[in-house]
Amino acid sequence: MSSHAATGSIDHHHDSTTSTGIPNKKLLWWAFLASDCMFFGTLISTHLVYRLNPPPGNAVPTQVFNIELTSFSTFILLMSSLLMALAVNAIQKGNVRSTRTMLLGTMFFGCIFLGGQVFEFTHFVHDKHMTLSNSIFGSTFYTLTGTHGTHVAIGVLLLGMMYVRTFKPAAGGGLLANFLHLLAICIAAAVAFIVLVPGLLEVIEGEALGTFLSHSAVPLLVGAAACAALIWFGRSSTAAVEFGEKNAIDVEAIGLYWHFVDIVWIIIFTAVYLLEYL
């Protein structure tokens, strides 16, 4: 009998019941991420090929990009990976409260990144007049970065579902409360990356704060109500929960996805943005 079995602790990296020694959930996620590597590899390669041979009338990237904003968004996404790693470490130690905090932090940073992307796309279309169809650069850029943004949004949703799962009572039940909790997270996240973050960036760019608040009053009130509901659902409870150290593999699996999304963005940031300034 192994030392892990003798002490009753859980080995989070190996599973003796599988022929590979790797938990099936983790193996499935690795297989999915391998296929996603090929998908993103195709999109990045297409962008680079057309970059080397730009057709007439193509947009000039250095005249379009806001490298300061994109660098900030990149930093935020990298910091979210740190919080995700802390969430995995916390649940492996059975610290559910710390896991919840780190998951919420990761979602928050993910929403900031998405909000920056919404602002960036809006700026490119309305101010720089670069659309999906008026240039090859616009087509490859929006397809590549938009696909990555979709992956980040899916990751935020998965993290929200995992966060809500940490509140499931050990005695069962709580289905309606869990659903409402998840709904509050989705609404708050949507307001953050569609309205709040882009609006604040516009204020920084020079738009009047009062104009932003008057135009976005309703969604901001809805987002505030969703945040209040999130705090209410997430209030401290003495009741035992079903979630614990045995679920570390679930958090680790989502962590693999989130780290993959971050690594892909580093490649995109280098290949699409930084290469234009070399």
Protein backbone atom coordinates (compact mmCIF):
# COMPACT_ATOMS: atom_id res chain seq x y z
CA MET A 1 0.00 0.00 0.00
CA SER A 2 1.35 3.44 -0.91
CA SER A 3 2.15 6.07 1.68
CA HIS A 4 -0.75 8.18 0.34
CA ALA A 5 -3.21 5.38 0.99
CA ALA A 6 -1.69 4.68 4.39
CA THR A 7 -2.16 8.24 5.57
CA GLY A 8 -5.57 8.63 3.96
CA SER A 9 -4.46 11.61 1.82
CA ILE A 10 -5.47 12.03 -1.79
CA ASP A 11 -2.97 11.85 -4.64
CA HIS A 12 -4.17 14.60 -6.94
CA HIS A 13 -1.83 13.74 -9.81
CA HIS A 14 -2.20 9.98 -10.25
CA ASP A 15 -5.11 7.55 -10.37
CA SER A 16 -4.29 3.90 -9.77
CA THR A 17 -7.63 2.81 -11.23
CA THR A 18 -6.66 3.87 -14.78
CA SER A 19 -4.20 2.09 -17.06
CA THR A 20 -2.28 5.33 -17.69
CA GLY A 21 -2.16 6.44 -14.07
CA ILE A 22 -3.71 9.74 -15.18
CA PRO A 23 -7.25 10.57 -14.04
CA ASN A 24 -9.74 10.19 -16.88
CA LYS A 25 -11.02 13.76 -16.49
CA LYS A 26 -7.54 15.19 -16.86
CA LEU A 27 -6.76 12.92 -19.82
CA LEU A 28 -9.95 14.07 -21.57
CA TRP A 29 -9.08 17.73 -21.04
CA TRP A 30 -5.55 17.16 -22.39
CA ALA A 31 -7.04 15.54 -25.51
CA PHE A 32 -9.39 18.49 -26.03
CA LEU A 33 -6.58 21.01 -25.52
CA ALA A 34 -4.39 19.14 -28.03
CA SER A 35 -7.11 19.53 -30.67
CA ASP A 36 -7.49 23.20 -29.73
CA CYS A 37 -3.74 23.67 -30.26
CA MET A 38 -4.15 22.62 -33.88
CA PHE A 39 -7.17 24.92 -34.26
CA PHE A 40 -5.35 27.98 -32.94
CA GLY A 41 -2.21 26.99 -34.83
CA THR A 42 -4.19 27.19 -38.07
CA LEU A 43 -5.63 30.62 -37.25
CA ILE A 44 -2.26 32.05 -36.17
CA SER A 45 -0.51 30.62 -39.25
CA THR A 46 -3.15 32.13 -41.54
CA HIS A 47 -2.67 35.55 -39.96
CA LEU A 48 1.12 35.35 -40.29
CA VAL A 49 0.98 34.23 -43.94
CA TYR A 50 -1.21 37.17 -44.95
CA ARG A 51 0.94 39.49 -42.85
CA LEU A 52 3.98 38.62 -45.00
CA ASN A 53 2.04 39.26 -48.22
CA PRO A 54 -0.49 42.02 -47.45
CA PRO A 55 -2.88 42.84 -50.33
CA PRO A 56 -3.42 46.46 -51.47
CA GLY A 57 -5.66 48.48 -49.18
CA ASN A 58 -4.80 46.43 -46.11
CA ALA A 59 -4.98 48.21 -42.74
CA VAL A 60 -1.70 49.36 -41.20
CA PRO A 61 -1.55 47.60 -37.81
CA THR A 62 0.63 50.17 -36.04
CA GLN A 63 -1.90 52.87 -36.95
CA VAL A 64 -4.75 50.79 -35.55
CA PHE A 65 -3.43 49.11 -32.39
CA ASN A 66 -3.45 50.58 -28.90
CA ILE A 67 -0.45 48.65 -27.61
CA GLU A 68 -0.69 50.14 -24.10
CA LEU A 69 -4.24 48.86 -23.61
CA THR A 70 -3.41 45.44 -25.03
CA SER A 71 -0.32 45.16 -22.82
CA PHE A 72 -2.46 45.96 -19.77
CA SER A 73 -5.02 43.33 -20.79
CA THR A 74 -2.21 40.80 -21.25
CA PHE A 75 -0.89 41.52 -17.76
CA ILE A 76 -4.40 41.09 -16.30
CA LEU A 77 -4.83 37.73 -18.02
CA LEU A 78 -1.44 36.51 -16.77
CA MET A 79 -2.34 37.52 -13.22
CA SER A 80 -5.57 35.54 -13.55
CA SER A 81 -3.43 32.44 -14.16
CA LEU A 82 -1.72 33.06 -10.84
CA LEU A 83 -5.09 33.21 -9.06
CA MET A 84 -6.18 30.01 -10.85
CA ALA A 85 -3.05 28.24 -9.64
CA LEU A 86 -3.77 29.44 -6.09
CA ALA A 87 -7.33 28.10 -6.38
CA VAL A 88 -6.00 24.64 -7.35
CA ASN A 89 -3.50 24.73 -4.49
CA ALA A 90 -6.20 25.77 -2.01
CA ILE A 91 -8.63 22.96 -2.92
CA GLN A 92 -5.84 20.39 -2.82
CA LYS A 93 -5.42 21.41 0.83
CA GLY A 94 -9.17 21.26 1.42
CA ASN A 95 -9.51 25.04 1.89
CA VAL A 96 -12.88 25.66 0.22
CA ARG A 97 -13.21 29.30 1.30
CA SER A 98 -9.86 30.25 -0.22
CA THR A 99 -10.78 28.32 -3.37
CA ARG A 100 -13.95 30.39 -3.74
CA THR A 101 -12.00 33.64 -3.35
CA MET A 102 -9.42 32.65 -5.96
CA LEU A 103 -12.10 31.48 -8.41
CA LEU A 104 -13.96 34.78 -8.07
CA GLY A 105 -10.70 36.68 -8.57
CA THR A 106 -9.92 34.69 -11.71
CA MET A 107 -13.39 35.40 -13.10
CA PHE A 108 -13.04 39.10 -12.28
CA PHE A 109 -9.72 39.36 -14.10
CA GLY A 110 -11.15 37.41 -17.02
CA CYS A 111 -14.02 39.90 -17.26
CA ILE A 112 -11.55 42.81 -17.26
CA PHE A 113 -9.72 41.19 -20.17
CA LEU A 114 -12.97 40.67 -22.08
CA GLY A 115 -14.08 44.23 -21.36
CA GLY A 116 -10.81 45.53 -22.77
CA GLN A 117 -11.35 43.43 -25.89
CA VAL A 118 -14.89 44.77 -26.34
CA PHE A 119 -13.54 48.32 -26.03
CA GLU A 120 -10.71 47.55 -28.45
CA PHE A 121 -12.98 46.06 -31.09
CA THR A 122 -15.43 48.97 -30.80
CA HIS A 123 -12.59 51.46 -31.15
CA PHE A 124 -11.17 49.66 -34.19
CA VAL A 125 -14.51 49.54 -35.98
CA HIS A 126 -15.84 53.04 -35.25
CA ASP A 127 -12.64 55.10 -35.06
CA LYS A 128 -10.17 53.17 -37.22
CA HIS A 129 -12.78 51.82 -39.67
CA MET A 130 -11.30 48.32 -39.66
CA THR A 131 -14.06 45.73 -39.98
CA LEU A 132 -14.24 42.00 -40.52
CA SER A 133 -14.87 42.38 -44.25
CA ASN A 134 -13.03 45.46 -45.52
CA SER A 135 -9.49 44.01 -45.31
CA ILE A 136 -7.66 40.70 -45.03
CA PHE A 137 -5.94 41.94 -41.88
CA GLY A 138 -9.28 42.73 -40.27
CA SER A 139 -10.64 39.30 -41.22
CA THR A 140 -7.73 37.35 -39.77
CA PHE A 141 -7.38 39.64 -36.73
CA TYR A 142 -11.03 39.54 -35.64
CA THR A 143 -11.34 35.80 -36.33
CA LEU A 144 -8.24 34.95 -34.30
CA THR A 145 -8.68 37.30 -31.34
CA GLY A 146 -12.46 36.85 -31.32
CA THR A 147 -12.08 33.08 -31.12
CA HIS A 148 -9.69 33.49 -28.22
CA GLY A 149 -12.10 35.90 -26.50
CA THR A 150 -14.85 33.29 -26.87
CA HIS A 151 -12.60 30.77 -25.13
CA VAL A 152 -12.04 33.23 -22.28
CA ALA A 153 -15.81 33.81 -21.96
CA ILE A 154 -16.41 30.04 -21.84
CA GLY A 155 -13.71 29.79 -19.18
CA VAL A 156 -15.42 32.46 -17.07
CA LEU A 157 -18.69 30.52 -17.33
CA LEU A 158 -16.98 27.26 -16.30
CA LEU A 159 -15.34 28.98 -13.35
CA GLY A 160 -18.71 30.42 -12.32
CA MET A 161 -20.28 26.96 -12.42
CA MET A 162 -17.42 25.56 -10.33
CA TYR A 163 -17.73 28.43 -7.84
CA VAL A 164 -21.46 27.79 -7.40
CA ARG A 165 -20.78 24.08 -7.01
CA THR A 166 -18.67 24.81 -3.92
CA PHE A 167 -21.87 25.86 -2.09
CA LYS A 168 -23.83 22.64 -2.72
CA PRO A 169 -25.01 21.35 0.69
CA ALA A 170 -23.70 17.95 1.77
CA ALA A 171 -27.27 16.95 2.62
CA GLY A 172 -28.41 17.59 -0.96
CA GLY A 173 -30.94 20.04 -2.34
CA GLY A 174 -30.32 23.71 -2.98
CA LEU A 175 -30.87 23.36 -6.74
CA LEU A 176 -32.88 26.58 -7.12
CA ALA A 177 -30.46 28.58 -4.97
CA ASN A 178 -27.51 27.27 -6.99
CA PHE A 179 -29.22 28.21 -10.26
CA LEU A 180 -30.00 31.74 -9.03
CA HIS A 181 -26.43 32.06 -7.76
CA LEU A 182 -25.05 31.12 -11.18
CA LEU A 183 -27.49 33.50 -12.88
CA ALA A 184 -26.27 36.36 -10.66
CA ILE A 185 -22.67 35.57 -11.63
CA CYS A 186 -23.52 35.55 -15.35
CA ILE A 187 -25.35 38.88 -15.15
CA ALA A 188 -22.60 40.56 -13.13
CA ALA A 189 -19.93 39.22 -15.52
CA ALA A 190 -21.87 40.33 -18.60
CA VAL A 191 -22.31 43.86 -17.26
CA ALA A 192 -18.63 44.00 -16.32
CA PHE A 193 -17.15 43.09 -19.69
CA ILE A 194 -19.85 44.57 -21.96
CA VAL A 195 -20.65 47.82 -20.14
CA LEU A 196 -18.56 48.68 -17.08
CA VAL A 197 -14.96 48.05 -18.17
CA PRO A 198 -15.36 49.44 -21.72
CA GLY A 199 -17.20 52.46 -20.29
CA LEU A 200 -14.43 53.20 -17.79
CA LEU A 201 -11.84 52.89 -20.55
CA GLU A 202 -13.81 55.42 -22.60
CA VAL A 203 -13.81 57.77 -19.59
CA ILE A 204 -10.03 57.39 -19.37
CA GLU A 205 -9.84 58.16 -23.10
CA GLY A 206 -11.67 61.43 -22.50
CA GLU A 207 -15.44 60.84 -22.44
CA ALA A 208 -17.31 62.58 -19.63
CA LEU A 209 -18.12 60.35 -16.67
CA GLY A 210 -21.62 61.79 -16.41
CA THR A 211 -22.36 60.89 -20.03
CA PHE A 212 -21.26 57.31 -19.46
CA LEU A 213 -23.35 56.97 -16.29
CA SER A 214 -26.46 58.42 -17.92
CA HIS A 215 -26.20 56.15 -20.96
CA SER A 216 -25.46 53.02 -18.92
CA ALA A 217 -27.63 53.63 -15.84
CA VAL A 218 -29.97 50.66 -16.34
CA PRO A 219 -27.34 47.97 -17.02
CA LEU A 220 -25.18 49.29 -14.17
CA LEU A 221 -28.14 49.06 -11.76
CA VAL A 222 -28.83 45.51 -12.98
CA GLY A 223 -25.15 44.65 -12.49
CA ALA A 224 -25.17 46.15 -8.99
CA ALA A 225 -28.25 44.08 -8.12
CA ALA A 226 -26.51 40.97 -9.45
CA CYS A 227 -23.43 41.71 -7.32
CA ALA A 228 -25.63 42.18 -4.25
CA ALA A 229 -27.29 38.84 -4.99
CA LEU A 230 -23.85 37.28 -5.41
CA ILE A 231 -22.80 38.54 -1.98
CA TRP A 232 -26.05 37.29 -0.46
CA PHE A 233 -25.73 33.81 -1.95
CA GLY A 234 -22.04 33.65 -1.06
CA ARG A 235 -22.48 34.67 2.58
CA SER A 236 -20.70 32.53 5.13
CA SER A 237 -22.61 29.43 6.13
CA THR A 238 -21.98 26.91 8.88
CA ALA A 239 -23.71 24.12 6.92
CA ALA A 240 -21.47 21.38 5.57
CA VAL A 241 -20.90 21.36 1.81
CA GLU A 242 -20.36 18.46 -0.54
CA PHE A 243 -17.38 20.11 -2.24
CA GLY A 244 -13.93 19.38 -0.84
CA GLU A 245 -10.46 18.01 -1.40
CA LYS A 246 -11.82 15.08 -3.41
CA ASN A 247 -12.96 17.58 -6.06
CA ALA A 248 -9.47 18.97 -6.61
CA ILE A 249 -9.22 17.17 -9.96
CA ASP A 250 -12.27 19.13 -11.20
CA VAL A 251 -10.71 22.48 -10.31
CA GLU A 252 -7.37 21.36 -11.74
CA ALA A 253 -9.05 20.38 -15.04
CA ILE A 254 -10.56 23.86 -15.45
CA GLY A 255 -7.17 25.25 -14.42
CA LEU A 256 -5.58 23.40 -17.35
CA TYR A 257 -8.05 25.05 -19.71
CA TRP A 258 -7.48 28.50 -18.23
CA HIS A 259 -3.68 28.22 -18.38
CA PHE A 260 -3.95 27.02 -21.97
CA VAL A 261 -6.03 30.08 -22.89
CA ASP A 262 -3.40 32.31 -21.27
CA ILE A 263 -0.52 30.62 -23.10
CA VAL A 264 -2.35 30.96 -26.42
CA TRP A 265 -2.85 34.67 -25.74
CA ILE A 266 0.89 35.15 -25.13
CA ILE A 267 1.52 33.66 -28.58
CA ILE A 268 -1.22 35.80 -30.15
CA PHE A 269 0.04 38.95 -28.43
CA THR A 270 3.54 38.28 -29.74
CA ALA A 271 2.58 37.21 -33.26
CA VAL A 272 -0.20 39.73 -33.90
CA TYR A 273 0.79 42.79 -31.87
CA LEU A 274 4.47 42.85 -30.94
CA LEU A 275 5.78 41.70 -34.34
CA GLU A 276 4.33 44.85 -35.90
CA TYR A 277 6.59 47.02 -33.74
CA LEU A 278 9.86 45.16 -34.41
